[in-house]
Amino acid sequence: METQKNEMAQFYREQVQKIEDEILAITNNATDIQFSDEKGAYLVALITERKDIMDAMFVNAVKDTKHIEQVNDMLYNLSRKMYDGVITMYDKAKKTLFKDAPDADFEVEGNLRFAANEEDAVLSLPEDEYYGSNFRKIFSVIDRLHEQGYVRPDYIDSVSSKDLDNADSRANLDKKSAYESWQPAADIFKDLNLCFALHSLHAYHPYSLPDILRMRRFGLVVNIRQTKIE
């Protein structure tokens, strides 16, 4: 049984490395900054295939449960910080910037994103050799695909002051997402409620579970936008 498991892991690892070799060849070792539509679509297909294989490897290993709970807590706390920042800035703007224009229509927006290009954005873990991935370079390629619109915008959670107008909507942050039965590792995480940011990273973005475990740097951005000028 253990021999079969090791053989499967080796097969997966070879597939990941084959896909990544092709990705890096296409992108000049992850240095290209612009892709044609044809190349962008092909890269998305390769990265999606890589995600599926690495998720299968994660399920095969079943060692990272505690770590992903820690990542979940970290992202939840960052999301709460973002919500609090939007509320604080909205209240301040209303009392200062727009104190003489009570009818001015404005909103404050907050975004939480993975800062893929920060120098220490990628965490090294003992299991890196098991996956055989060049996480940093693949994250850089995904970041370029984000920038050019081939995959979803790079923010993983966002909120507007218009979403926080009442107590019910402000309480939405505390509602956690169940790990859906169709997702990999569903059995492993059946008792874990995920915050929206982690759910978003895995369900809506091209990141596998091993990728998410290695994300170390996240950025919060809160902006004011006037939507109507009196």
Foldseek 3Di string as FASTA:
>chain_A
DVVVLVVLLVVLLVLLVVLVVVLCVLCVNLPNQDDDPVSLLVNLVSLLVNQVSVLVVCLSVLPCLVLVLVLQVVVLVVVLVQLVVQVVVVVVCCVPVCVVPNPFAKKKKKFKFQPLPDPQFFADDPCCVSNNDPLSSSSSNLQSSLVVVVADNGTQDMDMVVQVPDPVSSCVQVDFAADDPVDRCCVVCRVPTGGSSVVSCPVRGSHHPVSSSTGDDMDMDMDMGGPDDD
